[in-house]
Amino acid sequence: MHWSSSIEIPVSAGVSAMAVESIIHPFDTLITRIQSPGYVVTYKNIKGGFRPTMFRGLYQGIGPTMVTAIPSSVAFFYIYETAKYALLNGSEETSSEKMPAAAAHAISSAAAELASCAILNPAEVLKQNAQVSKSHGSGGLKYPVLTMLRQLMSRPRKLWTGYTVLAASHLPGTTMTFCLYEYFKASWLGSFEKQSPTIPEQVRVSLFSAGVAGAAVSLFLVPIDVVKTRMRLAAGSRTGQSSLPPKIIPINTELSGPRSTSTSPQGPIAVARGIPVAEGGRGLFRGASLTCVAAMLGSGLFLGCYDGIKLYSQKSCASQEQASSR
């Protein structure tokens, strides 16, 4: 890794994050609504179809995501690329042996994900509460993100609600995804008869490798994702009991109001136990199909875009260096 990447990484990570979030956010909104405890009451009609509210405001909550998308992505890839380079190449001074590729990818992605989650979690809390808010209609919230931010700022620690669950869900998912992604990419690039595939060929390999890896891993993590969503939505309610239906999440209630009837927010284990009791085992797999599709598109586009921008930036920098040396 050339350390001209000090420019390539933030540009590649930032642009790819913004592009992918703008495409994937509607899918994410639908998944959040499907996994919410008020899904049947709020978004389903008597005949089993969807109410119009299911597909309204699909970009609600995108503001906080966009604000944190760039720093979280840049932090992730800086740590990932730096750690991977150091682990795979060993120490030049001590001539230590190289670490196995799978272990290097797992350690690097895990360290990068912990830092990224710390930046991303407040935006995720605001985003998911805004995604299920009733912003349409006479009694709705006109600016759901700002309303939720005002409510949560009275207790700012709520912005990090679900961080442990976020890390618990992202760490295995990220490590498995990157291990599979790097393995598929290396295998497919190695299958080319020519030694140096073109940049478009490398981008296509990255896109398909990341898409397959992301879809495969996401299927196993849907239950954790459901629990994480319930905990975050509970942070936006006064009662903190949004893990159990059929009550609609009181998004537009003031968090700073009276709490004489409230109980302490449930932890991840209590939430996970409560969902099957109230909804059956299928409740833990709400939105599994849509989650896999979104993961395939999101992972493929994100890493494909990232690699493409990085490769073209490296090529441009190399051309400029050659021109200046003449």
C-alpha atoms as a PDB file:
ATOM      1  CA  MET A   1       0.000   0.000   0.000  1.00  0.00           C
ATOM      2  CA  HIS A   2       1.503   3.286  -1.134  1.00  0.00           C
ATOM      3  CA  TRP A   3       1.089   6.098   1.326  1.00  0.00           C
ATOM      4  CA  SER A   4      -0.311   8.328  -1.366  1.00  0.00           C
ATOM      5  CA  SER A   5      -3.349   6.458   0.026  1.00  0.00           C
ATOM      6  CA  SER A   6      -3.534   9.219   2.627  1.00  0.00           C
ATOM      7  CA  ILE A   7      -5.506  10.981  -0.117  1.00  0.00           C
ATOM      8  CA  GLU A   8      -6.952   7.955  -1.893  1.00  0.00           C
ATOM      9  CA  ILE A   9      -8.606   6.363   1.150  1.00  0.00           C
ATOM     10  CA  PRO A  10     -10.715   9.331   2.339  1.00  0.00           C
ATOM     11  CA  VAL A  11     -11.779  10.189  -1.203  1.00  0.00           C
ATOM     12  CA  SER A  12     -12.644   6.589  -2.084  1.00  0.00           C
ATOM     13  CA  ALA A  13     -14.371   5.849   1.227  1.00  0.00           C
ATOM     14  CA  GLY A  14     -16.284   9.129   1.362  1.00  0.00           C
ATOM     15  CA  VAL A  15     -17.590   9.102  -2.200  1.00  0.00           C
ATOM     16  CA  SER A  16     -18.564   5.420  -2.104  1.00  0.00           C
ATOM     17  CA  ALA A  17     -20.314   5.830   1.262  1.00  0.00           C
ATOM     18  CA  MET A  18     -22.396   8.786   0.077  1.00  0.00           C
ATOM     19  CA  ALA A  19     -23.318   7.077  -3.209  1.00  0.00           C
ATOM     20  CA  VAL A  20     -24.289   3.773  -1.634  1.00  0.00           C
ATOM     21  CA  GLU A  21     -26.256   5.293   1.269  1.00  0.00           C
ATOM     22  CA  SER A  22     -28.397   7.271  -1.151  1.00  0.00           C
ATOM     23  CA  ILE A  23     -29.275   4.027  -2.974  1.00  0.00           C
ATOM     24  CA  ILE A  24     -29.620   1.655  -0.011  1.00  0.00           C
ATOM     25  CA  HIS A  25     -31.442   3.951   2.434  1.00  0.00           C
ATOM     26  CA  PRO A  26     -34.979   3.165   1.114  1.00  0.00           C
ATOM     27  CA  PHE A  27     -34.277  -0.560   1.583  1.00  0.00           C
ATOM     28  CA  ASP A  28     -33.022   0.160   5.084  1.00  0.00           C
ATOM     29  CA  THR A  29     -36.176   2.123   5.886  1.00  0.00           C
ATOM     30  CA  LEU A  30     -38.395  -0.749   4.752  1.00  0.00           C
ATOM     31  CA  ILE A  31     -36.359  -3.243   6.807  1.00  0.00           C
ATOM     32  CA  THR A  32     -36.623  -1.051   9.908  1.00  0.00           C
ATOM     33  CA  ARG A  33     -40.393  -0.776   9.509  1.00  0.00           C
ATOM     34  CA  ILE A  34     -40.774  -4.530   8.973  1.00  0.00           C
ATOM     35  CA  GLN A  35     -38.683  -5.274  12.062  1.00  0.00           C
ATOM     36  CA  SER A  36     -40.441  -2.680  14.246  1.00  0.00           C
ATOM     37  CA  PRO A  37     -42.929  -3.911  16.873  1.00  0.00           C
ATOM     38  CA  GLY A  38     -45.644  -1.707  15.371  1.00  0.00           C
ATOM     39  CA  TYR A  39     -45.310  -3.342  11.945  1.00  0.00           C
ATOM     40  CA  VAL A  40     -48.646  -5.223  11.966  1.00  0.00           C
ATOM     41  CA  VAL A  41     -50.619  -2.335  13.467  1.00  0.00           C
ATOM     42  CA  THR A  42     -49.054   0.513  11.534  1.00  0.00           C
ATOM     43  CA  TYR A  43     -48.043  -0.864   8.141  1.00  0.00           C
ATOM     44  CA  LYS A  44     -50.322  -3.869   7.465  1.00  0.00           C
ATOM     45  CA  ASN A  45     -54.000  -3.770   6.526  1.00  0.00           C
ATOM     46  CA  ILE A  46     -56.732  -6.255   7.360  1.00  0.00           C
ATOM     47  CA  LYS A  47     -56.367  -8.126   4.046  1.00  0.00           C
ATOM     48  CA  GLY A  48     -52.675  -8.748   4.670  1.00  0.00           C
ATOM     49  CA  GLY A  49     -51.331  -6.163   2.234  1.00  0.00           C
ATOM     50  CA  PHE A  50     -49.366  -3.029   2.993  1.00  0.00           C
ATOM     51  CA  ARG A  51     -50.821   0.323   3.914  1.00  0.00           C
ATOM     52  CA  PRO A  52     -49.604   3.366   1.931  1.00  0.00           C
ATOM     53  CA  THR A  53     -47.638   4.493   5.000  1.00  0.00           C
ATOM     54  CA  MET A  54     -45.255   1.556   4.433  1.00  0.00           C
ATOM     55  CA  PHE A  55     -43.820   3.235   1.334  1.00  0.00           C
ATOM     56  CA  ARG A  56     -44.020   6.886   2.349  1.00  0.00           C
ATOM     57  CA  GLY A  57     -41.000   8.840   3.460  1.00  0.00           C
ATOM     58  CA  LEU A  58     -38.457   6.182   2.458  1.00  0.00           C
ATOM     59  CA  TYR A  59     -35.662   8.740   2.829  1.00  0.00           C
ATOM     60  CA  GLN A  60     -36.644   9.730   6.369  1.00  0.00           C
ATOM     61  CA  GLY A  61     -33.601   9.741   8.627  1.00  0.00           C
ATOM     62  CA  ILE A  62     -31.027   9.955   5.837  1.00  0.00           C
ATOM     63  CA  GLY A  63     -29.596  13.219   7.200  1.00  0.00           C
ATOM     64  CA  PRO A  64     -27.753  11.759  10.218  1.00  0.00           C
ATOM     65  CA  THR A  65     -26.588   8.830   8.098  1.00  0.00           C
ATOM     66  CA  MET A  66     -25.068  11.111   5.480  1.00  0.00           C
ATOM     67  CA  VAL A  67     -23.383  13.251   8.146  1.00  0.00           C
ATOM     68  CA  THR A  68     -21.626  10.260   9.701  1.00  0.00           C
ATOM     69  CA  ALA A  69     -21.166   8.179   6.540  1.00  0.00           C
ATOM     70  CA  ILE A  70     -17.937   9.869   5.505  1.00  0.00           C
ATOM     71  CA  PRO A  71     -16.067   9.905   8.856  1.00  0.00           C
ATOM     72  CA  SER A  72     -17.146   6.365   9.750  1.00  0.00           C
ATOM     73  CA  SER A  73     -16.132   5.014   6.331  1.00  0.00           C
ATOM     74  CA  VAL A  74     -12.836   6.888   6.310  1.00  0.00           C
ATOM     75  CA  ALA A  75     -12.016   5.675   9.831  1.00  0.00           C
ATOM     76  CA  PHE A  76     -12.898   2.120   8.893  1.00  0.00           C
ATOM     77  CA  PHE A  77     -10.775   1.948   5.764  1.00  0.00           C
ATOM     78  CA  TYR A  78      -7.813   3.800   7.253  1.00  0.00           C
ATOM     79  CA  ILE A  79      -7.634   1.298  10.097  1.00  0.00           C
ATOM     80  CA  TYR A  80      -8.427  -1.685   7.892  1.00  0.00           C
ATOM     81  CA  GLU A  81      -5.906  -0.890   5.166  1.00  0.00           C
ATOM     82  CA  THR A  82      -3.183   0.076   7.646  1.00  0.00           C
ATOM     83  CA  ALA A  83      -3.641  -2.989   9.851  1.00  0.00           C
ATOM     84  CA  LYS A  84      -3.953  -5.354   6.889  1.00  0.00           C
ATOM     85  CA  TYR A  85      -0.791  -3.997   5.291  1.00  0.00           C
ATOM     86  CA  ALA A  86       1.161  -4.321   8.552  1.00  0.00           C
ATOM     87  CA  LEU A  87      -0.111  -7.820   9.360  1.00  0.00           C
ATOM     88  CA  LEU A  88       0.298  -9.272   5.887  1.00  0.00           C
ATOM     89  CA  ASN A  89       3.754  -7.837   5.273  1.00  0.00           C
ATOM     90  CA  GLY A  90       5.215  -8.457   8.746  1.00  0.00           C
ATOM     91  CA  SER A  91       7.895  -6.212  10.166  1.00  0.00           C
ATOM     92  CA  GLU A  92      10.740  -5.270   7.885  1.00  0.00           C
ATOM     93  CA  GLU A  93      12.997  -4.517  10.845  1.00  0.00           C
ATOM     94  CA  THR A  94      12.482  -7.797  12.709  1.00  0.00           C
ATOM     95  CA  SER A  95      11.834  -9.934   9.606  1.00  0.00           C
ATOM     96  CA  SER A  96       8.865 -11.547  11.385  1.00  0.00           C
ATOM     97  CA  GLU A  97       6.741 -14.027   9.501  1.00  0.00           C
ATOM     98  CA  LYS A  98       3.626 -12.911   7.730  1.00  0.00           C
ATOM     99  CA  MET A  99       0.285 -13.592   9.377  1.00  0.00           C
ATOM    100  CA  PRO A 100      -2.172 -15.893   7.539  1.00  0.00           C
ATOM    101  CA  ALA A 101      -4.371 -13.854   5.236  1.00  0.00           C
ATOM    102  CA  ALA A 102      -7.672 -14.894   6.832  1.00  0.00           C
ATOM    103  CA  ALA A 103      -6.475 -13.936  10.324  1.00  0.00           C
ATOM    104  CA  ALA A 104      -5.107 -10.602   9.085  1.00  0.00           C
ATOM    105  CA  HIS A 105      -8.385  -9.749   7.355  1.00  0.00           C
ATOM    106  CA  ALA A 106     -10.427 -10.725  10.431  1.00  0.00           C
ATOM    107  CA  ILE A 107      -8.314  -8.727  12.903  1.00  0.00           C
ATOM    108  CA  SER A 108      -8.074  -5.677  10.640  1.00  0.00           C
ATOM    109  CA  SER A 109     -11.788  -5.546   9.890  1.00  0.00           C
ATOM    110  CA  ALA A 110     -12.736  -6.090  13.551  1.00  0.00           C
ATOM    111  CA  ALA A 111     -10.531  -3.230  14.767  1.00  0.00           C
ATOM    112  CA  ALA A 112     -11.837  -0.970  12.006  1.00  0.00           C
ATOM    113  CA  GLU A 113     -15.465  -1.834  12.748  1.00  0.00           C
ATOM    114  CA  LEU A 114     -15.206  -0.955  16.447  1.00  0.00           C
ATOM    115  CA  ALA A 115     -14.052   2.550  15.564  1.00  0.00           C
ATOM    116  CA  SER A 116     -16.642   2.918  12.826  1.00  0.00           C
ATOM    117  CA  CYS A 117     -19.519   1.821  15.104  1.00  0.00           C
ATOM    118  CA  ALA A 118     -18.628   4.457  17.700  1.00  0.00           C
ATOM    119  CA  ILE A 119     -19.111   7.153  15.038  1.00  0.00           C
ATOM    120  CA  LEU A 120     -22.128   5.541  13.400  1.00  0.00           C
ATOM    121  CA  ASN A 121     -24.300   4.596  16.381  1.00  0.00           C
ATOM    122  CA  PRO A 122     -25.828   8.036  17.226  1.00  0.00           C
ATOM    123  CA  ALA A 123     -26.853   8.509  13.613  1.00  0.00           C
ATOM    124  CA  GLU A 124     -28.379   5.035  13.522  1.00  0.00           C
ATOM    125  CA  VAL A 125     -30.493   5.763  16.609  1.00  0.00           C
ATOM    126  CA  LEU A 126     -31.821   8.984  15.077  1.00  0.00           C
ATOM    127  CA  LYS A 127     -32.288   7.424  11.653  1.00  0.00           C
ATOM    128  CA  GLN A 128     -34.267   4.384  12.745  1.00  0.00           C
ATOM    129  CA  ASN A 129     -36.574   6.370  15.010  1.00  0.00           C
ATOM    130  CA  ALA A 130     -37.180   8.834  12.180  1.00  0.00           C
ATOM    131  CA  GLN A 131     -37.886   5.990   9.745  1.00  0.00           C
ATOM    132  CA  VAL A 132     -40.916   4.839  11.742  1.00  0.00           C
ATOM    133  CA  SER A 133     -42.172   8.285  12.711  1.00  0.00           C
ATOM    134  CA  LYS A 134     -45.461   9.507  11.277  1.00  0.00           C
ATOM    135  CA  SER A 135     -44.240  12.451   9.240  1.00  0.00           C
ATOM    136  CA  HIS A 136     -47.334  12.454   7.031  1.00  0.00           C
ATOM    137  CA  GLY A 137     -50.768  13.525   8.065  1.00  0.00           C
ATOM    138  CA  SER A 138     -52.207  16.210  10.271  1.00  0.00           C
ATOM    139  CA  GLY A 139     -50.738  14.851  13.468  1.00  0.00           C
ATOM    140  CA  GLY A 140     -47.376  13.916  12.070  1.00  0.00           C
ATOM    141  CA  LEU A 141     -43.903  15.207  12.635  1.00  0.00           C
ATOM    142  CA  LYS A 142     -42.716  17.661  10.012  1.00  0.00           C
ATOM    143  CA  TYR A 143     -39.020  17.199  10.792  1.00  0.00           C
ATOM    144  CA  PRO A 144     -38.693  13.766  12.449  1.00  0.00           C
ATOM    145  CA  VAL A 145     -34.894  13.792  12.726  1.00  0.00           C
ATOM    146  CA  LEU A 146     -34.775  17.210  14.398  1.00  0.00           C
ATOM    147  CA  THR A 147     -37.637  16.250  16.708  1.00  0.00           C
ATOM    148  CA  MET A 148     -35.888  13.055  17.768  1.00  0.00           C
ATOM    149  CA  LEU A 149     -32.596  14.915  18.219  1.00  0.00           C
ATOM    150  CA  ARG A 150     -34.219  17.453  20.547  1.00  0.00           C
ATOM    151  CA  GLN A 151     -35.794  14.673  22.586  1.00  0.00           C
ATOM    152  CA  LEU A 152     -32.651  12.580  22.826  1.00  0.00           C
ATOM    153  CA  MET A 153     -30.348  15.503  23.622  1.00  0.00           C
ATOM    154  CA  SER A 154     -32.027  15.780  27.010  1.00  0.00           C
ATOM    155  CA  ARG A 155     -30.412  12.412  27.670  1.00  0.00           C
ATOM    156  CA  PRO A 156     -27.459  12.247  25.250  1.00  0.00           C
ATOM    157  CA  ARG A 157     -26.347   8.817  26.446  1.00  0.00           C
ATOM    158  CA  LYS A 158     -29.416   7.481  24.636  1.00  0.00           C
ATOM    159  CA  LEU A 159     -27.647   8.270  21.358  1.00  0.00           C
ATOM    160  CA  TRP A 160     -25.358   5.322  22.060  1.00  0.00           C
ATOM    161  CA  THR A 161     -28.206   2.966  22.915  1.00  0.00           C
ATOM    162  CA  GLY A 162     -27.555  -0.407  21.327  1.00  0.00           C
ATOM    163  CA  TYR A 163     -23.826   0.159  20.734  1.00  0.00           C
ATOM    164  CA  THR A 164     -22.943  -3.201  22.275  1.00  0.00           C
ATOM    165  CA  VAL A 165     -25.559  -4.892  20.117  1.00  0.00           C
ATOM    166  CA  LEU A 166     -24.355  -2.911  17.106  1.00  0.00           C
ATOM    167  CA  ALA A 167     -20.788  -4.047  17.722  1.00  0.00           C
ATOM    168  CA  ALA A 168     -21.916  -7.605  18.456  1.00  0.00           C
ATOM    169  CA  SER A 169     -23.841  -7.733  15.185  1.00  0.00           C
ATOM    170  CA  HIS A 170     -21.301  -5.916  13.040  1.00  0.00           C
ATOM    171  CA  LEU A 171     -18.120  -7.579  14.274  1.00  0.00           C
ATOM    172  CA  PRO A 172     -18.924 -11.151  13.219  1.00  0.00           C
ATOM    173  CA  GLY A 173     -20.680  -9.883  10.107  1.00  0.00           C
ATOM    174  CA  THR A 174     -17.828  -7.600   9.093  1.00  0.00           C
ATOM    175  CA  THR A 175     -15.075 -10.107   9.812  1.00  0.00           C
ATOM    176  CA  MET A 176     -16.852 -12.925   7.959  1.00  0.00           C
ATOM    177  CA  THR A 177     -17.776 -10.633   5.073  1.00  0.00           C
ATOM    178  CA  PHE A 178     -14.256  -9.313   4.612  1.00  0.00           C
ATOM    179  CA  CYS A 179     -12.698 -12.760   4.945  1.00  0.00           C
ATOM    180  CA  LEU A 180     -15.056 -14.109   2.276  1.00  0.00           C
ATOM    181  CA  TYR A 181     -14.702 -10.976   0.167  1.00  0.00           C
ATOM    182  CA  GLU A 182     -10.904 -11.043   0.170  1.00  0.00           C
ATOM    183  CA  TYR A 183     -10.908 -14.809  -0.494  1.00  0.00           C
ATOM    184  CA  PHE A 184     -13.347 -14.575  -3.421  1.00  0.00           C
ATOM    185  CA  LYS A 185     -11.557 -11.566  -4.854  1.00  0.00           C
ATOM    186  CA  ALA A 186      -8.119 -13.206  -4.686  1.00  0.00           C
ATOM    187  CA  SER A 187      -9.467 -16.440  -6.189  1.00  0.00           C
ATOM    188  CA  TRP A 188     -11.297 -14.738  -9.050  1.00  0.00           C
ATOM    189  CA  LEU A 189      -8.447 -12.365  -9.836  1.00  0.00           C
ATOM    190  CA  GLY A 190      -6.084 -15.348  -9.807  1.00  0.00           C
ATOM    191  CA  SER A 191      -8.228 -17.083 -12.410  1.00  0.00           C
ATOM    192  CA  PHE A 192      -7.423 -14.456 -15.044  1.00  0.00           C
ATOM    193  CA  GLU A 193      -5.045 -15.775 -17.660  1.00  0.00           C
ATOM    194  CA  LYS A 194      -3.241 -12.471 -17.884  1.00  0.00           C
ATOM    195  CA  GLN A 195      -1.180 -11.303 -14.930  1.00  0.00           C
ATOM    196  CA  SER A 196      -2.665  -7.813 -14.607  1.00  0.00           C
ATOM    197  CA  PRO A 197      -6.457  -7.510 -14.965  1.00  0.00           C
ATOM    198  CA  THR A 198      -7.708  -4.139 -16.104  1.00  0.00           C
ATOM    199  CA  ILE A 199      -9.261  -1.747 -13.606  1.00  0.00           C
ATOM    200  CA  PRO A 200     -12.838  -2.413 -14.861  1.00  0.00           C
ATOM    201  CA  GLU A 201     -12.221  -6.143 -14.461  1.00  0.00           C
ATOM    202  CA  GLN A 202     -10.928  -5.654 -10.918  1.00  0.00           C
ATOM    203  CA  VAL A 203     -13.952  -3.499 -10.056  1.00  0.00           C
ATOM    204  CA  ARG A 204     -16.355  -6.148 -11.356  1.00  0.00           C
ATOM    205  CA  VAL A 205     -14.576  -8.812  -9.316  1.00  0.00           C
ATOM    206  CA  SER A 206     -14.766  -6.626  -6.187  1.00  0.00           C
ATOM    207  CA  LEU A 207     -18.441  -5.900  -6.780  1.00  0.00           C
ATOM    208  CA  PHE A 208     -19.486  -9.535  -7.187  1.00  0.00           C
ATOM    209  CA  SER A 209     -17.182 -10.795  -4.429  1.00  0.00           C
ATOM    210  CA  ALA A 210     -18.544  -8.289  -1.923  1.00  0.00           C
ATOM    211  CA  GLY A 211     -22.149  -8.863  -3.000  1.00  0.00           C
ATOM    212  CA  VAL A 212     -21.982 -12.635  -2.568  1.00  0.00           C
ATOM    213  CA  ALA A 213     -20.148 -12.339   0.752  1.00  0.00           C
ATOM    214  CA  GLY A 214     -22.518  -9.701   2.128  1.00  0.00           C
ATOM    215  CA  ALA A 215     -25.680 -11.602   1.206  1.00  0.00           C
ATOM    216  CA  ALA A 216     -24.411 -14.896   2.632  1.00  0.00           C
ATOM    217  CA  VAL A 217     -23.340 -13.407   5.952  1.00  0.00           C
ATOM    218  CA  SER A 218     -26.384 -11.161   6.449  1.00  0.00           C
ATOM    219  CA  LEU A 219     -28.781 -14.111   6.422  1.00  0.00           C
ATOM    220  CA  PHE A 220     -27.232 -15.535   9.599  1.00  0.00           C
ATOM    221  CA  LEU A 221     -27.335 -12.211  11.434  1.00  0.00           C
ATOM    222  CA  VAL A 222     -30.975 -11.208  10.910  1.00  0.00           C
ATOM    223  CA  PRO A 223     -32.033 -12.100  14.504  1.00  0.00           C
ATOM    224  CA  ILE A 224     -29.327  -9.848  15.946  1.00  0.00           C
ATOM    225  CA  ASP A 225     -30.363  -7.098  13.553  1.00  0.00           C
ATOM    226  CA  VAL A 226     -33.990  -7.388  14.716  1.00  0.00           C
ATOM    227  CA  VAL A 227     -32.954  -7.103  18.387  1.00  0.00           C
ATOM    228  CA  LYS A 228     -30.725  -4.123  17.597  1.00  0.00           C
ATOM    229  CA  THR A 229     -33.554  -2.360  15.773  1.00  0.00           C
ATOM    230  CA  ARG A 230     -35.978  -2.933  18.667  1.00  0.00           C
ATOM    231  CA  MET A 231     -33.511  -1.528  21.206  1.00  0.00           C
ATOM    232  CA  ARG A 232     -32.907   1.595  19.141  1.00  0.00           C
ATOM    233  CA  LEU A 233     -36.593   2.221  18.607  1.00  0.00           C
ATOM    234  CA  ALA A 234     -37.101   1.822  22.347  1.00  0.00           C
ATOM    235  CA  ALA A 235     -34.643   4.675  22.879  1.00  0.00           C
ATOM    236  CA  GLY A 236     -37.096   6.951  21.079  1.00  0.00           C
ATOM    237  CA  SER A 237     -40.080   5.935  23.179  1.00  0.00           C
ATOM    238  CA  ARG A 238     -40.994   7.022  26.681  1.00  0.00           C
ATOM    239  CA  THR A 239     -41.722   3.544  27.982  1.00  0.00           C
ATOM    240  CA  GLY A 240     -38.617   1.855  26.590  1.00  0.00           C
ATOM    241  CA  GLN A 241     -40.743  -1.244  25.850  1.00  0.00           C
ATOM    242  CA  SER A 242     -40.925  -1.137  22.077  1.00  0.00           C
ATOM    243  CA  SER A 243     -39.745  -4.741  21.819  1.00  0.00           C
ATOM    244  CA  LEU A 244     -43.227  -6.064  22.501  1.00  0.00           C
ATOM    245  CA  PRO A 245     -46.257  -5.496  20.269  1.00  0.00           C
ATOM    246  CA  PRO A 246     -48.984  -4.482  19.705  1.00  0.00           C
ATOM    247  CA  LYS A 247     -48.374  -0.994  21.056  1.00  0.00           C
ATOM    248  CA  ILE A 248     -47.356   1.584  18.485  1.00  0.00           C
ATOM    249  CA  ILE A 249     -44.028   3.219  19.233  1.00  0.00           C
ATOM    250  CA  PRO A 250     -44.737   6.622  20.803  1.00  0.00           C
ATOM    251  CA  ILE A 251     -42.174   8.461  18.692  1.00  0.00           C
ATOM    252  CA  ASN A 252     -43.740  11.872  19.156  1.00  0.00           C
ATOM    253  CA  THR A 253     -43.853  11.751  22.948  1.00  0.00           C
ATOM    254  CA  GLU A 254     -41.510  13.907  24.916  1.00  0.00           C
ATOM    255  CA  LEU A 255     -38.670  11.974  26.507  1.00  0.00           C
ATOM    256  CA  SER A 256     -38.304  14.568  29.198  1.00  0.00           C
ATOM    257  CA  GLY A 257     -41.919  14.264  30.280  1.00  0.00           C
ATOM    258  CA  PRO A 258     -43.282  12.410  33.300  1.00  0.00           C
ATOM    259  CA  ARG A 259     -42.009   8.866  33.683  1.00  0.00           C
ATOM    260  CA  SER A 260     -44.122   7.558  36.510  1.00  0.00           C
ATOM    261  CA  THR A 261     -45.331   4.595  34.431  1.00  0.00           C
ATOM    262  CA  SER A 262     -42.052   3.931  32.645  1.00  0.00           C
ATOM    263  CA  THR A 263     -39.698   1.077  33.162  1.00  0.00           C
ATOM    264  CA  SER A 264     -36.007   0.829  32.511  1.00  0.00           C
ATOM    265  CA  PRO A 265     -35.037  -0.048  28.932  1.00  0.00           C
ATOM    266  CA  GLN A 266     -34.631  -3.747  28.267  1.00  0.00           C
ATOM    267  CA  GLY A 267     -31.237  -5.244  27.527  1.00  0.00           C
ATOM    268  CA  PRO A 268     -30.501  -7.292  24.408  1.00  0.00           C
ATOM    269  CA  ILE A 269     -31.103 -10.652  26.110  1.00  0.00           C
ATOM    270  CA  ALA A 270     -34.504  -9.570  27.439  1.00  0.00           C
ATOM    271  CA  VAL A 271     -35.479  -8.168  24.040  1.00  0.00           C
ATOM    272  CA  ALA A 272     -34.342 -11.345  22.275  1.00  0.00           C
ATOM    273  CA  ARG A 273     -36.384 -13.493  24.659  1.00  0.00           C
ATOM    274  CA  GLY A 274     -39.462 -11.311  24.393  1.00  0.00           C
ATOM    275  CA  ILE A 275     -39.770 -11.347  20.600  1.00  0.00           C
ATOM    276  CA  PRO A 276     -40.394 -15.141  20.194  1.00  0.00           C
ATOM    277  CA  VAL A 277     -42.784 -15.127  23.154  1.00  0.00           C
ATOM    278  CA  ALA A 278     -44.915 -12.380  21.605  1.00  0.00           C
ATOM    279  CA  GLU A 279     -44.498 -13.131  17.897  1.00  0.00           C
ATOM    280  CA  GLY A 280     -43.109 -16.646  17.569  1.00  0.00           C
ATOM    281  CA  GLY A 281     -39.770 -17.676  16.141  1.00  0.00           C
ATOM    282  CA  ARG A 282     -40.528 -15.965  12.834  1.00  0.00           C
ATOM    283  CA  GLY A 283     -40.381 -12.620  14.632  1.00  0.00           C
ATOM    284  CA  LEU A 284     -36.596 -12.946  14.875  1.00  0.00           C
ATOM    285  CA  PHE A 285     -36.337 -13.295  11.086  1.00  0.00           C
ATOM    286  CA  ARG A 286     -38.467 -10.377   9.998  1.00  0.00           C
ATOM    287  CA  GLY A 287     -37.215  -8.829   6.786  1.00  0.00           C
ATOM    288  CA  ALA A 288     -34.671 -11.609   6.098  1.00  0.00           C
ATOM    289  CA  SER A 289     -35.193 -11.620   2.320  1.00  0.00           C
ATOM    290  CA  LEU A 290     -35.031  -7.851   1.984  1.00  0.00           C
ATOM    291  CA  THR A 291     -32.012  -7.774   4.314  1.00  0.00           C
ATOM    292  CA  CYS A 292     -30.113 -10.190   2.056  1.00  0.00           C
ATOM    293  CA  VAL A 293     -30.963  -8.173  -1.060  1.00  0.00           C
ATOM    294  CA  ALA A 294     -29.934  -4.912   0.622  1.00  0.00           C
ATOM    295  CA  ALA A 295     -26.698  -6.493   1.906  1.00  0.00           C
ATOM    296  CA  MET A 296     -25.845  -7.825  -1.531  1.00  0.00           C
ATOM    297  CA  LEU A 297     -26.448  -4.452  -3.180  1.00  0.00           C
ATOM    298  CA  GLY A 298     -24.867  -2.429  -0.380  1.00  0.00           C
ATOM    299  CA  SER A 299     -21.722  -4.533   0.029  1.00  0.00           C
ATOM    300  CA  GLY A 300     -21.224  -4.965  -3.700  1.00  0.00           C
ATOM    301  CA  LEU A 301     -21.723  -1.311  -4.590  1.00  0.00           C
ATOM    302  CA  PHE A 302     -19.774  -0.014  -1.596  1.00  0.00           C
ATOM    303  CA  LEU A 303     -16.628  -2.130  -1.995  1.00  0.00           C
ATOM    304  CA  GLY A 304     -16.829  -2.097  -5.784  1.00  0.00           C
ATOM    305  CA  CYS A 305     -17.079   1.690  -5.783  1.00  0.00           C
ATOM    306  CA  TYR A 306     -14.351   1.987  -3.145  1.00  0.00           C
ATOM    307  CA  ASP A 307     -11.899  -0.209  -5.071  1.00  0.00           C
ATOM    308  CA  GLY A 308     -12.732   1.493  -8.354  1.00  0.00           C
ATOM    309  CA  ILE A 309     -12.132   5.025  -7.063  1.00  0.00           C
ATOM    310  CA  LYS A 310      -8.970   3.908  -5.253  1.00  0.00           C
ATOM    311  CA  LEU A 311      -7.540   2.137  -8.310  1.00  0.00           C
ATOM    312  CA  TYR A 312      -8.261   5.060 -10.637  1.00  0.00           C
ATOM    313  CA  SER A 313      -6.794   7.480  -8.067  1.00  0.00           C
ATOM    314  CA  GLN A 314      -3.631   5.397  -7.817  1.00  0.00           C
ATOM    315  CA  LYS A 315      -3.373   5.302 -11.604  1.00  0.00           C
ATOM    316  CA  SER A 316      -3.855   9.071 -11.815  1.00  0.00           C
ATOM    317  CA  CYS A 317      -1.228   9.704  -9.098  1.00  0.00           C
ATOM    318  CA  ALA A 318       1.234   7.370 -10.837  1.00  0.00           C
ATOM    319  CA  SER A 319       0.713   9.169 -14.148  1.00  0.00           C
ATOM    320  CA  GLN A 320       1.277  12.559 -12.533  1.00  0.00           C
ATOM    321  CA  GLU A 321       4.477  11.295 -10.849  1.00  0.00           C
ATOM    322  CA  GLN A 322       5.781   9.978 -14.145  1.00  0.00           C
ATOM    323  CA  ALA A 323       4.964  13.243 -15.919  1.00  0.00           C
ATOM    324  CA  SER A 324       6.668  15.336 -13.227  1.00  0.00           C
ATOM    325  CA  SER A 325       9.797  13.185 -13.289  1.00  0.00           C
ATOM    326  CA  ARG A 326      10.390  13.769 -16.977  1.00  0.00           C
END
